[in-house]
């Protein structure tokens, strides 16, 4: 299992969205934001299809993508 990136799922008004981030990709503003809305504003939120495309581009196999999708769903972030 790769550990060079972070995955999570978020419930948004438009539906479930996913994050794929490497530590160096976290925007500095994420750590100084005063609300979740500010934190999320600078992150790239993906649909499930976009999530899978991003993982494919990173060289993950279909089985690894399935694992990361379930992992992301297990790490739902609460954004209010």
C-alpha atoms as a PDB file:
ATOM      1  CA  UNK A   1       0.000   0.000   0.000  1.00  0.00           C
ATOM      2  CA  UNK A   2       1.317   3.413  -0.947  1.00  0.00           C
ATOM      3  CA  UNK A   3       1.583   6.035   1.745  1.00  0.00           C
ATOM      4  CA  UNK A   4       2.754   9.015  -0.290  1.00  0.00           C
ATOM      5  CA  UNK A   5      -0.739  10.502  -0.562  1.00  0.00           C
ATOM      6  CA  UNK A   6      -3.891  11.102   1.457  1.00  0.00           C
ATOM      7  CA  UNK A   7      -7.455  10.259   0.411  1.00  0.00           C
ATOM      8  CA  UNK A   8     -10.785  11.216   1.948  1.00  0.00           C
ATOM      9  CA  UNK A   9     -14.421  11.630   1.017  1.00  0.00           C
ATOM     10  CA  UNK A  10     -16.645  14.606   1.732  1.00  0.00           C
ATOM     11  CA  UNK A  11     -20.400  14.992   1.604  1.00  0.00           C
ATOM     12  CA  UNK A  12     -21.221  18.155  -0.295  1.00  0.00           C
ATOM     13  CA  UNK A  13     -24.583  19.565  -1.368  1.00  0.00           C
ATOM     14  CA  UNK A  14     -23.744  18.453  -4.917  1.00  0.00           C
ATOM     15  CA  UNK A  15     -22.966  14.900  -3.734  1.00  0.00           C
ATOM     16  CA  UNK A  16     -20.057  12.812  -2.506  1.00  0.00           C
ATOM     17  CA  UNK A  17     -16.661  14.228  -3.452  1.00  0.00           C
ATOM     18  CA  UNK A  18     -13.146  12.900  -2.981  1.00  0.00           C
ATOM     19  CA  UNK A  19      -9.693  14.269  -2.247  1.00  0.00           C
ATOM     20  CA  UNK A  20      -6.348  12.909  -3.382  1.00  0.00           C
ATOM     21  CA  UNK A  21      -3.524  14.939  -1.913  1.00  0.00           C
ATOM     22  CA  UNK A  22       0.177  14.540  -1.539  1.00  0.00           C
ATOM     23  CA  UNK A  23       1.700  16.334   1.457  1.00  0.00           C
ATOM     24  CA  UNK A  24       3.409  18.915  -0.759  1.00  0.00           C
ATOM     25  CA  UNK A  25       0.070  19.739  -2.428  1.00  0.00           C
ATOM     26  CA  UNK A  26      -1.704  20.990   0.693  1.00  0.00           C
ATOM     27  CA  UNK A  27      -2.197  24.728   0.154  1.00  0.00           C
ATOM     28  CA  UNK A  28      -0.680  26.787   2.965  1.00  0.00           C
ATOM     29  CA  UNK A  29      -4.036  28.503   3.431  1.00  0.00           C
ATOM     30  CA  UNK A  30      -5.499  25.137   4.522  1.00  0.00           C
ATOM     31  CA  UNK A  31      -3.629  25.387   7.810  1.00  0.00           C
ATOM     32  CA  UNK A  32      -4.627  29.002   8.467  1.00  0.00           C
ATOM     33  CA  UNK A  33      -8.263  28.927   7.335  1.00  0.00           C
ATOM     34  CA  UNK A  34     -10.819  29.928   9.924  1.00  0.00           C
ATOM     35  CA  UNK A  35     -13.587  27.649   8.642  1.00  0.00           C
ATOM     36  CA  UNK A  36     -14.035  24.357   6.792  1.00  0.00           C
ATOM     37  CA  UNK A  37     -15.489  26.264   3.852  1.00  0.00           C
ATOM     38  CA  UNK A  38     -12.234  28.201   3.579  1.00  0.00           C
ATOM     39  CA  UNK A  39     -10.221  24.987   3.816  1.00  0.00           C
ATOM     40  CA  UNK A  40     -12.240  23.226   1.128  1.00  0.00           C
ATOM     41  CA  UNK A  41     -12.287  26.211  -1.227  1.00  0.00           C
ATOM     42  CA  UNK A  42      -8.649  25.638  -2.215  1.00  0.00           C
ATOM     43  CA  UNK A  43      -8.823  21.858  -2.531  1.00  0.00           C
ATOM     44  CA  UNK A  44      -9.618  19.972  -5.718  1.00  0.00           C
ATOM     45  CA  UNK A  45     -12.753  17.940  -5.037  1.00  0.00           C
ATOM     46  CA  UNK A  46     -13.331  15.049  -7.417  1.00  0.00           C
ATOM     47  CA  UNK A  47     -16.282  12.923  -8.417  1.00  0.00           C
ATOM     48  CA  UNK A  48     -15.757   9.169  -8.150  1.00  0.00           C
ATOM     49  CA  UNK A  49     -14.832   9.039 -11.849  1.00  0.00           C
ATOM     50  CA  UNK A  50     -12.362  11.903 -11.428  1.00  0.00           C
ATOM     51  CA  UNK A  51     -10.937  10.208  -8.335  1.00  0.00           C
ATOM     52  CA  UNK A  52     -10.307   7.024 -10.303  1.00  0.00           C
ATOM     53  CA  UNK A  53      -8.728   8.963 -13.183  1.00  0.00           C
ATOM     54  CA  UNK A  54      -6.375  10.759 -10.782  1.00  0.00           C
ATOM     55  CA  UNK A  55      -5.321   7.448  -9.206  1.00  0.00           C
ATOM     56  CA  UNK A  56      -4.782   5.884 -12.638  1.00  0.00           C
ATOM     57  CA  UNK A  57      -2.572   8.840 -13.573  1.00  0.00           C
ATOM     58  CA  UNK A  58      -0.593   8.142 -10.390  1.00  0.00           C
ATOM     59  CA  UNK A  59       0.025   4.570 -11.611  1.00  0.00           C
ATOM     60  CA  UNK A  60      -2.398   2.653  -9.398  1.00  0.00           C
ATOM     61  CA  UNK A  61      -4.080  -0.512 -10.642  1.00  0.00           C
ATOM     62  CA  UNK A  62      -7.840  -1.011 -10.724  1.00  0.00           C
ATOM     63  CA  UNK A  63      -7.667  -3.106  -7.524  1.00  0.00           C
ATOM     64  CA  UNK A  64      -5.619  -0.387  -5.803  1.00  0.00           C
ATOM     65  CA  UNK A  65      -8.157   2.216  -6.940  1.00  0.00           C
ATOM     66  CA  UNK A  66     -10.987   0.166  -5.402  1.00  0.00           C
ATOM     67  CA  UNK A  67      -9.035  -0.069  -2.148  1.00  0.00           C
ATOM     68  CA  UNK A  68      -8.344   3.677  -2.072  1.00  0.00           C
ATOM     69  CA  UNK A  69     -12.007   4.449  -2.801  1.00  0.00           C
ATOM     70  CA  UNK A  70     -13.101   2.374   0.197  1.00  0.00           C
ATOM     71  CA  UNK A  71     -10.319   3.926   2.260  1.00  0.00           C
ATOM     72  CA  UNK A  72     -11.518   7.422   1.303  1.00  0.00           C
ATOM     73  CA  UNK A  73     -15.087   6.554   2.218  1.00  0.00           C
ATOM     74  CA  UNK A  74     -13.826   5.351   5.581  1.00  0.00           C
ATOM     75  CA  UNK A  75     -12.254   8.789   6.131  1.00  0.00           C
ATOM     76  CA  UNK A  76     -15.256  11.032   5.546  1.00  0.00           C
ATOM     77  CA  UNK A  77     -14.476  14.578   6.507  1.00  0.00           C
ATOM     78  CA  UNK A  78     -17.237  16.562   8.089  1.00  0.00           C
ATOM     79  CA  UNK A  79     -17.563  19.886   6.311  1.00  0.00           C
ATOM     80  CA  UNK A  80     -20.273  22.170   7.670  1.00  0.00           C
END
